[in-house]
Amino acid sequence: MARLVVKNEQGDELLNERVVCKTLGDERTSLQLLERMVRAIEEAEKERVPVA
């Protein structure tokens, strides 16, 4: 078991989920994890308020 954590530059956690290491070799599982990471980053960027 491992934990996948995605953080932004400020250290805010965008994604934190447990993954089974042996399934990471499965192309479909890896692609699904990558898609969730991308969605988490996109959502965080939408919510980000520009600093003036």
N, C-alpha and C. Protein backbone atom coordinates (compact mmCIF):
# COMPACT_ATOMS: atom_id res chain seq x y z
N MET A 1 0.86 -1.18 0.00
CA MET A 1 0.00 0.00 0.00
C MET A 1 0.90 1.23 0.00
N ALA A 2 0.53 2.22 -0.75
CA ALA A 2 1.26 3.48 -0.81
C ALA A 2 0.24 4.61 -0.80
N ARG A 3 0.72 5.82 -0.62
CA ARG A 3 -0.15 6.98 -0.60
C ARG A 3 0.32 7.94 -1.68
N LEU A 4 -0.62 8.34 -2.54
CA LEU A 4 -0.35 9.31 -3.60
C LEU A 4 -0.81 10.67 -3.10
N VAL A 5 0.12 11.61 -3.03
CA VAL A 5 -0.19 12.95 -2.53
C VAL A 5 0.25 13.97 -3.58
N VAL A 6 -0.66 14.88 -3.92
CA VAL A 6 -0.36 15.96 -4.85
C VAL A 6 -0.55 17.27 -4.08
N LYS A 7 0.51 18.11 -4.09
CA LYS A 7 0.44 19.40 -3.40
C LYS A 7 0.78 20.52 -4.37
N ASN A 8 0.25 21.71 -4.08
CA ASN A 8 0.61 22.87 -4.90
C ASN A 8 1.86 23.53 -4.31
N GLU A 9 2.27 24.64 -4.91
CA GLU A 9 3.49 25.32 -4.48
C GLU A 9 3.43 25.79 -3.03
N GLN A 10 2.24 26.09 -2.56
CA GLN A 10 2.06 26.58 -1.19
C GLN A 10 2.00 25.43 -0.18
N GLY A 11 2.01 24.21 -0.65
CA GLY A 11 1.96 23.05 0.23
C GLY A 11 0.55 22.56 0.53
N ASP A 12 -0.46 23.16 -0.12
CA ASP A 12 -1.84 22.70 0.08
C ASP A 12 -2.02 21.35 -0.60
N GLU A 13 -2.67 20.41 0.08
CA GLU A 13 -2.93 19.11 -0.50
C GLU A 13 -4.08 19.18 -1.48
N LEU A 14 -3.83 18.76 -2.71
CA LEU A 14 -4.86 18.75 -3.74
C LEU A 14 -5.47 17.35 -3.87
N LEU A 15 -4.68 16.34 -3.58
CA LEU A 15 -5.13 14.96 -3.70
C LEU A 15 -4.33 14.12 -2.72
N ASN A 16 -5.00 13.23 -2.02
CA ASN A 16 -4.34 12.32 -1.08
C ASN A 16 -5.14 11.03 -1.08
N GLU A 17 -4.58 10.00 -1.69
CA GLU A 17 -5.33 8.75 -1.72
C GLU A 17 -4.39 7.55 -1.66
N ARG A 18 -4.91 6.46 -1.11
CA ARG A 18 -4.12 5.25 -0.98
C ARG A 18 -4.19 4.47 -2.28
N VAL A 19 -3.07 3.88 -2.65
CA VAL A 19 -3.00 3.05 -3.85
C VAL A 19 -2.30 1.74 -3.51
N VAL A 20 -2.65 0.70 -4.22
CA VAL A 20 -2.00 -0.60 -4.05
C VAL A 20 -0.84 -0.65 -5.04
N CYS A 21 0.35 -0.81 -4.52
CA CYS A 21 1.55 -0.73 -5.35
C CYS A 21 1.53 -1.68 -6.55
N LYS A 22 1.05 -2.92 -6.36
CA LYS A 22 1.09 -3.87 -7.47
C LYS A 22 0.13 -3.50 -8.59
N THR A 23 -0.88 -2.65 -8.32
CA THR A 23 -1.79 -2.24 -9.39
C THR A 23 -1.23 -1.06 -10.19
N LEU A 24 -0.16 -0.43 -9.70
CA LEU A 24 0.41 0.70 -10.42
C LEU A 24 1.01 0.27 -11.76
N GLY A 25 1.38 -0.98 -11.88
CA GLY A 25 1.90 -1.49 -13.14
C GLY A 25 0.80 -1.67 -14.18
N ASP A 26 -0.45 -1.70 -13.74
CA ASP A 26 -1.58 -1.83 -14.66
C ASP A 26 -1.79 -0.49 -15.35
N GLU A 27 -1.73 -0.51 -16.65
CA GLU A 27 -1.83 0.73 -17.44
C GLU A 27 -3.13 1.49 -17.16
N ARG A 28 -4.23 0.79 -17.04
CA ARG A 28 -5.53 1.44 -16.80
C ARG A 28 -5.55 2.12 -15.43
N THR A 29 -5.04 1.44 -14.40
CA THR A 29 -4.99 2.02 -13.06
C THR A 29 -4.11 3.25 -13.04
N SER A 30 -2.95 3.17 -13.67
CA SER A 30 -2.04 4.30 -13.71
C SER A 30 -2.67 5.49 -14.43
N LEU A 31 -3.38 5.23 -15.50
CA LEU A 31 -4.05 6.29 -16.25
C LEU A 31 -5.15 6.93 -15.42
N GLN A 32 -5.91 6.12 -14.68
CA GLN A 32 -6.97 6.66 -13.83
C GLN A 32 -6.39 7.55 -12.73
N LEU A 33 -5.27 7.13 -12.14
CA LEU A 33 -4.62 7.96 -11.12
C LEU A 33 -4.14 9.28 -11.71
N LEU A 34 -3.55 9.21 -12.88
CA LEU A 34 -3.08 10.42 -13.55
C LEU A 34 -4.23 11.36 -13.85
N GLU A 35 -5.37 10.82 -14.31
CA GLU A 35 -6.54 11.65 -14.59
C GLU A 35 -7.06 12.33 -13.33
N ARG A 36 -7.07 11.61 -12.20
CA ARG A 36 -7.52 12.21 -10.94
C ARG A 36 -6.56 13.30 -10.49
N MET A 37 -5.26 13.09 -10.70
CA MET A 37 -4.29 14.11 -10.35
C MET A 37 -4.52 15.38 -11.17
N VAL A 38 -4.73 15.20 -12.46
CA VAL A 38 -4.94 16.34 -13.36
C VAL A 38 -6.21 17.09 -12.97
N ARG A 39 -7.30 16.36 -12.67
CA ARG A 39 -8.55 17.02 -12.26
C ARG A 39 -8.37 17.80 -10.97
N ALA A 40 -7.64 17.25 -10.02
CA ALA A 40 -7.40 17.94 -8.75
C ALA A 40 -6.63 19.22 -8.98
N ILE A 41 -5.63 19.17 -9.85
CA ILE A 41 -4.83 20.38 -10.15
C ILE A 41 -5.68 21.41 -10.88
N GLU A 42 -6.50 20.96 -11.86
CA GLU A 42 -7.36 21.89 -12.59
C GLU A 42 -8.36 22.57 -11.66
N GLU A 43 -8.95 21.81 -10.75
CA GLU A 43 -9.92 22.39 -9.80
C GLU A 43 -9.23 23.41 -8.91
N ALA A 44 -8.04 23.11 -8.46
CA ALA A 44 -7.31 24.04 -7.60
C ALA A 44 -6.98 25.33 -8.35
N GLU A 45 -6.64 25.20 -9.63
CA GLU A 45 -6.34 26.39 -10.42
C GLU A 45 -7.57 27.24 -10.63
N LYS A 46 -8.75 26.63 -10.77
CA LYS A 46 -10.00 27.39 -10.95
C LYS A 46 -10.31 28.19 -9.68
N GLU A 47 -10.01 27.60 -8.53
CA GLU A 47 -10.33 28.23 -7.24
C GLU A 47 -9.29 29.27 -6.81
N ARG A 48 -8.15 29.25 -7.45
CA ARG A 48 -7.05 30.15 -7.07
C ARG A 48 -7.43 31.60 -7.38
N VAL A 49 -7.24 32.46 -6.40
CA VAL A 49 -7.54 33.88 -6.56
C VAL A 49 -6.24 34.58 -6.93
N PRO A 50 -6.22 35.34 -8.03
CA PRO A 50 -4.99 36.04 -8.41
C PRO A 50 -4.59 37.08 -7.34
N VAL A 51 -3.30 37.11 -7.06
CA VAL A 51 -2.77 38.08 -6.09
C VAL A 51 -2.46 39.37 -6.82
N ALA A 52 -3.05 40.48 -6.35
CA ALA A 52 -2.87 41.76 -7.04
C ALA A 52 -1.68 42.51 -6.51
